[in-house]
Amino acid sequence: MKKIEAEIKMIISDTVGKEFNLAPIHLTWRQLGVDSLDLLDIITRCEIQFRVKITDNDAGRLFTLKDMTQLIELKIRNKER
């Protein structure tokens, strides 16, 4: 989880232009300064980075960095089966 979390934080940092290495995982996108367009970019970059598909339905349930991390971990696990 920590590796995926760190990679997502790097994607967020690159997208928003702020450093998030020490940001708590439970912060909402708004608390991280991520707007809706940034979130679309983050989702797209995560899909490419982790080779997963995040559906619109999935995206609607992503409110925090923790949500994103857990979703990607689940998709990676399901892909490995």
PDB file of N, CA and C in Angstrom:
ATOM      1  N   MET A   1       0.822  -1.204   0.000  1.00  0.00           N
ATOM      2  CA  MET A   1       0.000   0.000   0.000  1.00  0.00           C
ATOM      3  C   MET A   1       0.856   1.254   0.000  1.00  0.00           C
ATOM      4  N   LYS A   2       1.928   1.249   0.760  1.00  0.00           N
ATOM      5  CA  LYS A   2       2.759   2.453   0.869  1.00  0.00           C
ATOM      6  C   LYS A   2       3.364   2.850  -0.472  1.00  0.00           C
ATOM      7  N   LYS A   3       3.748   1.853  -1.288  1.00  0.00           N
ATOM      8  CA  LYS A   3       4.340   2.174  -2.591  1.00  0.00           C
ATOM      9  C   LYS A   3       3.297   2.805  -3.507  1.00  0.00           C
ATOM     10  N   ILE A   4       2.109   2.218  -3.539  1.00  0.00           N
ATOM     11  CA  ILE A   4       1.037   2.771  -4.368  1.00  0.00           C
ATOM     12  C   ILE A   4       0.654   4.159  -3.871  1.00  0.00           C
ATOM     13  N   GLU A   5       0.521   4.291  -2.561  1.00  0.00           N
ATOM     14  CA  GLU A   5       0.193   5.597  -1.970  1.00  0.00           C
ATOM     15  C   GLU A   5       1.237   6.638  -2.356  1.00  0.00           C
ATOM     16  N   ALA A   6       2.513   6.286  -2.273  1.00  0.00           N
ATOM     17  CA  ALA A   6       3.591   7.218  -2.618  1.00  0.00           C
ATOM     18  C   ALA A   6       3.531   7.621  -4.088  1.00  0.00           C
ATOM     19  N   GLU A   7       3.236   6.655  -4.954  1.00  0.00           N
ATOM     20  CA  GLU A   7       3.149   6.963  -6.386  1.00  0.00           C
ATOM     21  C   GLU A   7       1.957   7.875  -6.684  1.00  0.00           C
ATOM     22  N   ILE A   8       0.835   7.624  -6.011  1.00  0.00           N
ATOM     23  CA  ILE A   8      -0.337   8.489  -6.204  1.00  0.00           C
ATOM     24  C   ILE A   8      -0.027   9.899  -5.700  1.00  0.00           C
ATOM     25  N   LYS A   9       0.649  10.005  -4.564  1.00  0.00           N
ATOM     26  CA  LYS A   9       1.027  11.324  -4.042  1.00  0.00           C
ATOM     27  C   LYS A   9       1.928  12.067  -5.025  1.00  0.00           C
ATOM     28  N   MET A  10       2.826  11.344  -5.700  1.00  0.00           N
ATOM     29  CA  MET A  10       3.685  11.987  -6.711  1.00  0.00           C
ATOM     30  C   MET A  10       2.841  12.495  -7.873  1.00  0.00           C
ATOM     31  N   ILE A  11       1.861  11.704  -8.304  1.00  0.00           N
ATOM     32  CA  ILE A  11       0.971  12.124  -9.390  1.00  0.00           C
ATOM     33  C   ILE A  11       0.194  13.373  -8.976  1.00  0.00           C
ATOM     34  N   ILE A  12      -0.327  13.375  -7.754  1.00  0.00           N
ATOM     35  CA  ILE A  12      -1.061  14.549  -7.259  1.00  0.00           C
ATOM     36  C   ILE A  12      -0.140  15.764  -7.195  1.00  0.00           C
ATOM     37  N   SER A  13       1.063  15.571  -6.682  1.00  0.00           N
ATOM     38  CA  SER A  13       2.035  16.676  -6.590  1.00  0.00           C
ATOM     39  C   SER A  13       2.327  17.266  -7.957  1.00  0.00           C
ATOM     40  N   ASP A  14       2.547  16.391  -8.945  1.00  0.00           N
ATOM     41  CA  ASP A  14       2.829  16.857 -10.306  1.00  0.00           C
ATOM     42  C   ASP A  14       1.640  17.602 -10.898  1.00  0.00           C
ATOM     43  N   THR A  15       0.439  17.126 -10.592  1.00  0.00           N
ATOM     44  CA  THR A  15      -0.770  17.725 -11.156  1.00  0.00           C
ATOM     45  C   THR A  15      -1.093  19.072 -10.521  1.00  0.00           C
ATOM     46  N   VAL A  16      -1.005  19.130  -9.210  1.00  0.00           N
ATOM     47  CA  VAL A  16      -1.421  20.333  -8.475  1.00  0.00           C
ATOM     48  C   VAL A  16      -0.266  21.311  -8.277  1.00  0.00           C
ATOM     49  N   GLY A  17       0.950  20.824  -8.332  1.00  0.00           N
ATOM     50  CA  GLY A  17       2.104  21.695  -8.162  1.00  0.00           C
ATOM     51  C   GLY A  17       2.478  21.934  -6.715  1.00  0.00           C
ATOM     52  N   LYS A  18       2.059  21.036  -5.818  1.00  0.00           N
ATOM     53  CA  LYS A  18       2.413  21.125  -4.402  1.00  0.00           C
ATOM     54  C   LYS A  18       2.977  19.783  -3.970  1.00  0.00           C
ATOM     55  N   GLU A  19       3.731  19.795  -2.898  1.00  0.00           N
ATOM     56  CA  GLU A  19       4.317  18.565  -2.350  1.00  0.00           C
ATOM     57  C   GLU A  19       3.339  17.905  -1.378  1.00  0.00           C
ATOM     58  N   PHE A  20       3.105  16.602  -1.568  1.00  0.00           N
ATOM     59  CA  PHE A  20       2.147  15.888  -0.734  1.00  0.00           C
ATOM     60  C   PHE A  20       2.733  14.655  -0.058  1.00  0.00           C
ATOM     61  N   ASN A  21       4.054  14.535   0.003  1.00  0.00           N
ATOM     62  CA  ASN A  21       4.676  13.345   0.592  1.00  0.00           C
ATOM     63  C   ASN A  21       4.228  13.090   2.024  1.00  0.00           C
ATOM     64  N   LEU A  22       4.019  14.141   2.802  1.00  0.00           N
ATOM     65  CA  LEU A  22       3.648  13.976   4.206  1.00  0.00           C
ATOM     66  C   LEU A  22       2.156  14.166   4.458  1.00  0.00           C
ATOM     67  N   ALA A  23       1.375  14.331   3.409  1.00  0.00           N
ATOM     68  CA  ALA A  23      -0.061  14.559   3.564  1.00  0.00           C
ATOM     69  C   ALA A  23      -0.741  13.301   4.103  1.00  0.00           C
ATOM     70  N   PRO A  24      -1.598  13.461   5.117  1.00  0.00           N
ATOM     71  CA  PRO A  24      -2.352  12.311   5.625  1.00  0.00           C
ATOM     72  C   PRO A  24      -3.247  11.725   4.534  1.00  0.00           C
ATOM     73  N   ILE A  25      -3.373  10.429   4.534  1.00  0.00           N
ATOM     74  CA  ILE A  25      -4.109   9.718   3.486  1.00  0.00           C
ATOM     75  C   ILE A  25      -5.615   9.986   3.533  1.00  0.00           C
ATOM     76  N   HIS A  26      -6.132  10.444   4.659  1.00  0.00           N
ATOM     77  CA  HIS A  26      -7.571  10.643   4.808  1.00  0.00           C
ATOM     78  C   HIS A  26      -8.072  12.010   4.324  1.00  0.00           C
ATOM     79  N   LEU A  27      -7.174  12.889   3.887  1.00  0.00           N
ATOM     80  CA  LEU A  27      -7.595  14.220   3.437  1.00  0.00           C
ATOM     81  C   LEU A  27      -8.435  14.123   2.169  1.00  0.00           C
ATOM     82  N   THR A  28      -9.443  14.975   2.084  1.00  0.00           N
ATOM     83  CA  THR A  28     -10.284  15.006   0.893  1.00  0.00           C
ATOM     84  C   THR A  28      -9.543  15.721  -0.237  1.00  0.00           C
ATOM     85  N   TRP A  29     -10.080  15.546  -1.454  1.00  0.00           N
ATOM     86  CA  TRP A  29      -9.458  16.223  -2.604  1.00  0.00           C
ATOM     87  C   TRP A  29      -9.470  17.731  -2.383  1.00  0.00           C
ATOM     88  N   ARG A  30     -10.562  18.248  -1.857  1.00  0.00           N
ATOM     89  CA  ARG A  30     -10.656  19.694  -1.612  1.00  0.00           C
ATOM     90  C   ARG A  30      -9.569  20.144  -0.637  1.00  0.00           C
ATOM     91  N   GLN A  31      -9.355  19.367   0.440  1.00  0.00           N
ATOM     92  CA  GLN A  31      -8.322  19.714   1.420  1.00  0.00           C
ATOM     93  C   GLN A  31      -6.921  19.660   0.799  1.00  0.00           C
ATOM     94  N   LEU A  32      -6.770  18.836  -0.225  1.00  0.00           N
ATOM     95  CA  LEU A  32      -5.485  18.749  -0.917  1.00  0.00           C
ATOM     96  C   LEU A  32      -5.346  19.813  -2.004  1.00  0.00           C
ATOM     97  N   GLY A  33      -6.403  20.580  -2.256  1.00  0.00           N
ATOM     98  CA  GLY A  33      -6.360  21.611  -3.286  1.00  0.00           C
ATOM     99  C   GLY A  33      -6.582  21.074  -4.682  1.00  0.00           C
ATOM    100  N   VAL A  34      -7.236  19.909  -4.773  1.00  0.00           N
ATOM    101  CA  VAL A  34      -7.498  19.264  -6.060  1.00  0.00           C
ATOM    102  C   VAL A  34      -8.901  19.647  -6.521  1.00  0.00           C
ATOM    103  N   ASP A  35      -9.002  20.272  -7.700  1.00  0.00           N
ATOM    104  CA  ASP A  35     -10.326  20.591  -8.239  1.00  0.00           C
ATOM    105  C   ASP A  35     -10.771  19.464  -9.177  1.00  0.00           C
ATOM    106  N   SER A  36     -11.949  19.599  -9.761  1.00  0.00           N
ATOM    107  CA  SER A  36     -12.517  18.515 -10.574  1.00  0.00           C
ATOM    108  C   SER A  36     -11.672  18.209 -11.814  1.00  0.00           C
ATOM    109  N   LEU A  37     -11.114  19.221 -12.442  1.00  0.00           N
ATOM    110  CA  LEU A  37     -10.262  18.979 -13.610  1.00  0.00           C
ATOM    111  C   LEU A  37      -8.958  18.300 -13.204  1.00  0.00           C
ATOM    112  N   ASP A  38      -8.403  18.726 -12.070  1.00  0.00           N
ATOM    113  CA  ASP A  38      -7.205  18.057 -11.552  1.00  0.00           C
ATOM    114  C   ASP A  38      -7.491  16.591 -11.271  1.00  0.00           C
ATOM    115  N   LEU A  39      -8.654  16.323 -10.682  1.00  0.00           N
ATOM    116  CA  LEU A  39      -8.998  14.943 -10.343  1.00  0.00           C
ATOM    117  C   LEU A  39      -9.110  14.083 -11.594  1.00  0.00           C
ATOM    118  N   LEU A  40      -9.694  14.614 -12.653  1.00  0.00           N
ATOM    119  CA  LEU A  40      -9.755  13.863 -13.912  1.00  0.00           C
ATOM    120  C   LEU A  40      -8.353  13.540 -14.423  1.00  0.00           C
ATOM    121  N   ASP A  41      -7.457  14.498 -14.338  1.00  0.00           N
ATOM    122  CA  ASP A  41      -6.075  14.290 -14.756  1.00  0.00           C
ATOM    123  C   ASP A  41      -5.404  13.236 -13.865  1.00  0.00           C
ATOM    124  N   ILE A  42      -5.632  13.313 -12.568  1.00  0.00           N
ATOM    125  CA  ILE A  42      -5.045  12.356 -11.622  1.00  0.00           C
ATOM    126  C   ILE A  42      -5.553  10.950 -11.923  1.00  0.00           C
ATOM    127  N   ILE A  43      -6.847  10.823 -12.160  1.00  0.00           N
ATOM    128  CA  ILE A  43      -7.427   9.508 -12.475  1.00  0.00           C
ATOM    129  C   ILE A  43      -6.810   8.944 -13.751  1.00  0.00           C
ATOM    130  N   THR A  44      -6.722   9.766 -14.782  1.00  0.00           N
ATOM    131  CA  THR A  44      -6.139   9.320 -16.045  1.00  0.00           C
ATOM    132  C   THR A  44      -4.692   8.890 -15.865  1.00  0.00           C
ATOM    133  N   ARG A  45      -3.932   9.672 -15.137  1.00  0.00           N
ATOM    134  CA  ARG A  45      -2.528   9.331 -14.909  1.00  0.00           C
ATOM    135  C   ARG A  45      -2.379   8.066 -14.069  1.00  0.00           C
ATOM    136  N   CYS A  46      -3.273   7.864 -13.101  1.00  0.00           N
ATOM    137  CA  CYS A  46      -3.252   6.634 -12.300  1.00  0.00           C
ATOM    138  C   CYS A  46      -3.593   5.422 -13.161  1.00  0.00           C
ATOM    139  N   GLU A  47      -4.558   5.586 -14.074  1.00  0.00           N
ATOM    140  CA  GLU A  47      -4.892   4.481 -14.978  1.00  0.00           C
ATOM    141  C   GLU A  47      -3.681   4.063 -15.805  1.00  0.00           C
ATOM    142  N   ILE A  48      -2.950   5.037 -16.285  1.00  0.00           N
ATOM    143  CA  ILE A  48      -1.755   4.756 -17.091  1.00  0.00           C
ATOM    144  C   ILE A  48      -0.649   4.163 -16.222  1.00  0.00           C
ATOM    145  N   GLN A  49      -0.376   4.784 -15.094  1.00  0.00           N
ATOM    146  CA  GLN A  49       0.705   4.356 -14.208  1.00  0.00           C
ATOM    147  C   GLN A  49       0.508   2.929 -13.701  1.00  0.00           C
ATOM    148  N   PHE A  50      -0.718   2.608 -13.289  1.00  0.00           N
ATOM    149  CA  PHE A  50      -0.980   1.319 -12.656  1.00  0.00           C
ATOM    150  C   PHE A  50      -1.633   0.307 -13.603  1.00  0.00           C
ATOM    151  N   ARG A  51      -1.889   0.735 -14.843  1.00  0.00           N
ATOM    152  CA  ARG A  51      -2.492  -0.139 -15.862  1.00  0.00           C
ATOM    153  C   ARG A  51      -3.810  -0.735 -15.383  1.00  0.00           C
ATOM    154  N   VAL A  52      -4.683   0.156 -14.906  1.00  0.00           N
ATOM    155  CA  VAL A  52      -6.019  -0.234 -14.460  1.00  0.00           C
ATOM    156  C   VAL A  52      -7.044   0.683 -15.128  1.00  0.00           C
ATOM    157  N   LYS A  53      -8.294   0.268 -15.106  1.00  0.00           N
ATOM    158  CA  LYS A  53      -9.390   1.081 -15.622  1.00  0.00           C
ATOM    159  C   LYS A  53     -10.227   1.566 -14.449  1.00  0.00           C
ATOM    160  N   ILE A  54     -10.379   2.873 -14.326  1.00  0.00           N
ATOM    161  CA  ILE A  54     -11.218   3.474 -13.295  1.00  0.00           C
ATOM    162  C   ILE A  54     -12.468   3.988 -13.992  1.00  0.00           C
ATOM    163  N   THR A  55     -13.572   3.319 -13.734  1.00  0.00           N
ATOM    164  CA  THR A  55     -14.832   3.685 -14.392  1.00  0.00           C
ATOM    165  C   THR A  55     -15.390   4.979 -13.806  1.00  0.00           C
ATOM    166  N   ASP A  56     -16.366   5.542 -14.503  1.00  0.00           N
ATOM    167  CA  ASP A  56     -17.041   6.735 -13.980  1.00  0.00           C
ATOM    168  C   ASP A  56     -17.699   6.428 -12.637  1.00  0.00           C
ATOM    169  N   ASN A  57     -18.240   5.223 -12.521  1.00  0.00           N
ATOM    170  CA  ASN A  57     -18.861   4.801 -11.270  1.00  0.00           C
ATOM    171  C   ASN A  57     -17.830   4.757 -10.145  1.00  0.00           C
ATOM    172  N   ASP A  58     -16.648   4.197 -10.445  1.00  0.00           N
ATOM    173  CA  ASP A  58     -15.556   4.174  -9.469  1.00  0.00           C
ATOM    174  C   ASP A  58     -15.159   5.598  -9.080  1.00  0.00           C
ATOM    175  N   ALA A  59     -15.006   6.444 -10.083  1.00  0.00           N
ATOM    176  CA  ALA A  59     -14.549   7.818  -9.845  1.00  0.00           C
ATOM    177  C   ALA A  59     -15.503   8.580  -8.941  1.00  0.00           C
ATOM    178  N   GLY A  60     -16.791   8.289  -9.053  1.00  0.00           N
ATOM    179  CA  GLY A  60     -17.787   8.961  -8.229  1.00  0.00           C
ATOM    180  C   GLY A  60     -17.689   8.607  -6.754  1.00  0.00           C
ATOM    181  N   ARG A  61     -16.941   7.547  -6.445  1.00  0.00           N
ATOM    182  CA  ARG A  61     -16.769   7.126  -5.052  1.00  0.00           C
ATOM    183  C   ARG A  61     -15.393   7.474  -4.498  1.00  0.00           C
ATOM    184  N   LEU A  62     -14.642   8.270  -5.225  1.00  0.00           N
ATOM    185  CA  LEU A  62     -13.301   8.666  -4.779  1.00  0.00           C
ATOM    186  C   LEU A  62     -13.363  10.042  -4.135  1.00  0.00           C
ATOM    187  N   PHE A  63     -13.276  10.059  -2.818  1.00  0.00           N
ATOM    188  CA  PHE A  63     -13.351  11.322  -2.090  1.00  0.00           C
ATOM    189  C   PHE A  63     -12.035  11.689  -1.416  1.00  0.00           C
ATOM    190  N   THR A  64     -11.157  10.697  -1.244  1.00  0.00           N
ATOM    191  CA  THR A  64      -9.894  10.918  -0.541  1.00  0.00           C
ATOM    192  C   THR A  64      -8.765  10.159  -1.221  1.00  0.00           C
ATOM    193  N   LEU A  65      -7.562  10.483  -0.832  1.00  0.00           N
ATOM    194  CA  LEU A  65      -6.383   9.751  -1.291  1.00  0.00           C
ATOM    195  C   LEU A  65      -6.487   8.284  -0.872  1.00  0.00           C
ATOM    196  N   LYS A  66      -7.029   8.051   0.314  1.00  0.00           N
ATOM    197  CA  LYS A  66      -7.205   6.676   0.799  1.00  0.00           C
ATOM    198  C   LYS A  66      -8.146   5.902  -0.122  1.00  0.00           C
ATOM    199  N   ASP A  67      -9.243   6.531  -0.539  1.00  0.00           N
ATOM    200  CA  ASP A  67     -10.176   5.877  -1.465  1.00  0.00           C
ATOM    201  C   ASP A  67      -9.464   5.475  -2.749  1.00  0.00           C
ATOM    202  N   MET A  68      -8.670   6.389  -3.291  1.00  0.00           N
ATOM    203  CA  MET A  68      -7.946   6.124  -4.540  1.00  0.00           C
ATOM    204  C   MET A  68      -6.952   4.981  -4.346  1.00  0.00           C
ATOM    205  N   THR A  69      -6.214   5.014  -3.245  1.00  0.00           N
ATOM    206  CA  THR A  69      -5.226   3.976  -2.964  1.00  0.00           C
ATOM    207  C   THR A  69      -5.894   2.610  -2.842  1.00  0.00           C
ATOM    208  N   GLN A  70      -6.979   2.541  -2.097  1.00  0.00           N
ATOM    209  CA  GLN A  70      -7.676   1.263  -1.913  1.00  0.00           C
ATOM    210  C   GLN A  70      -8.267   0.747  -3.220  1.00  0.00           C
ATOM    211  N   LEU A  71      -8.820   1.627  -4.028  1.00  0.00           N
ATOM    212  CA  LEU A  71      -9.387   1.219  -5.312  1.00  0.00           C
ATOM    213  C   LEU A  71      -8.305   0.640  -6.225  1.00  0.00           C
ATOM    214  N   ILE A  72      -7.196   1.324  -6.316  1.00  0.00           N
ATOM    215  CA  ILE A  72      -6.122   0.852  -7.199  1.00  0.00           C
ATOM    216  C   ILE A  72      -5.556  -0.467  -6.691  1.00  0.00           C
ATOM    217  N   GLU A  73      -5.378  -0.602  -5.389  1.00  0.00           N
ATOM    218  CA  GLU A  73      -4.902  -1.874  -4.832  1.00  0.00           C
ATOM    219  C   GLU A  73      -5.857  -3.011  -5.174  1.00  0.00           C
ATOM    220  N   LEU A  74      -7.165  -2.765  -5.054  1.00  0.00           N
ATOM    221  CA  LEU A  74      -8.170  -3.772  -5.372  1.00  0.00           C
ATOM    222  C   LEU A  74      -8.118  -4.153  -6.846  1.00  0.00           C
ATOM    223  N   LYS A  75      -8.021  -3.162  -7.706  1.00  0.00           N
ATOM    224  CA  LYS A  75      -7.980  -3.436  -9.143  1.00  0.00           C
ATOM    225  C   LYS A  75      -6.718  -4.202  -9.526  1.00  0.00           C
ATOM    226  N   ILE A  76      -5.599  -3.879  -8.911  1.00  0.00           N
ATOM    227  CA  ILE A  76      -4.362  -4.602  -9.187  1.00  0.00           C
ATOM    228  C   ILE A  76      -4.487  -6.059  -8.714  1.00  0.00           C
ATOM    229  N   ARG A  77      -5.022  -6.250  -7.517  1.00  0.00           N
ATOM    230  CA  ARG A  77      -5.220  -7.617  -7.003  1.00  0.00           C
ATOM    231  C   ARG A  77      -6.137  -8.421  -7.910  1.00  0.00           C
ATOM    232  N   ASN A  78      -7.237  -7.811  -8.345  1.00  0.00           N
ATOM    233  CA  ASN A  78      -8.186  -8.500  -9.224  1.00  0.00           C
ATOM    234  C   ASN A  78      -7.579  -8.814 -10.580  1.00  0.00           C
ATOM    235  N   LYS A  79      -6.699  -7.956 -11.042  1.00  0.00           N
ATOM    236  CA  LYS A  79      -6.038  -8.157 -12.329  1.00  0.00           C
ATOM    237  C   LYS A  79      -5.051  -9.331 -12.261  1.00  0.00           C
ATOM    238  N   GLU A  80      -4.448  -9.524 -11.096  1.00  0.00           N
ATOM    239  CA  GLU A  80      -3.443 -10.573 -10.916  1.00  0.00           C
ATOM    240  C   GLU A  80      -4.048 -11.958 -10.811  1.00  0.00           C
ATOM    241  N   ARG A  81      -5.344 -12.053 -10.597  1.00  0.00           N
ATOM    242  CA  ARG A  81      -6.014 -13.358 -10.457  1.00  0.00           C
ATOM    243  C   ARG A  81      -6.156 -14.065 -11.750  1.00  0.00           C
TER     244      ARG A  81
END
